[in-house]
Amino acid sequence: MSKFENVKQKKPQDFLRDVGISLEIFLSLVEKIDDFIKEQKEKNPMTNRGLKPNISIEDKLLLTIYYLRHYMTFEKLGEQFCISESYANKIFHKITNILIKVLKLKSRNELLNRDLGDVLIDATEQPIERPKKK
């Protein structure tokens, strides 16, 4: 069972609290990402070769949102999604770039800073307490 299937079974308010967006918005993002990927594969059929990914689009988006919301290390994300650290990093960067194109943003910083009309991802910076010198 995929990580998304486990998270999807939560109550709507628990899903919103854990992921940062509602299930309906999450599923609409998955649909937009899926359409974008299919469109890219039609434009360039050479990208359709090779091994098929063992992780679903829902899990890829969930991994990306978990990173933006909880700021986990890629090692921990890899453990949660049963993939390697480097593959988690690769998925995050790929899905982030797709989100920028799908949501028509100018840069990656807008994904974090801009108040989005359709999507709201709570990925604010949190201060880290550091020891004071002397």
Foldseek 3Di string as FASTA:
>chain_A
DFPLVVLVPDDQVSNCVQQVWGPVLLVVLLVLLVVVVVVVCVVPVVVVDDDDDPHDSSLLVSLLSCCLAVVDQLCVSCVNRVHHSVVSVVSNVVVLVSCCVSLVHDDSVCVQPPDDPSDDRPRDDDDDDDDDDD
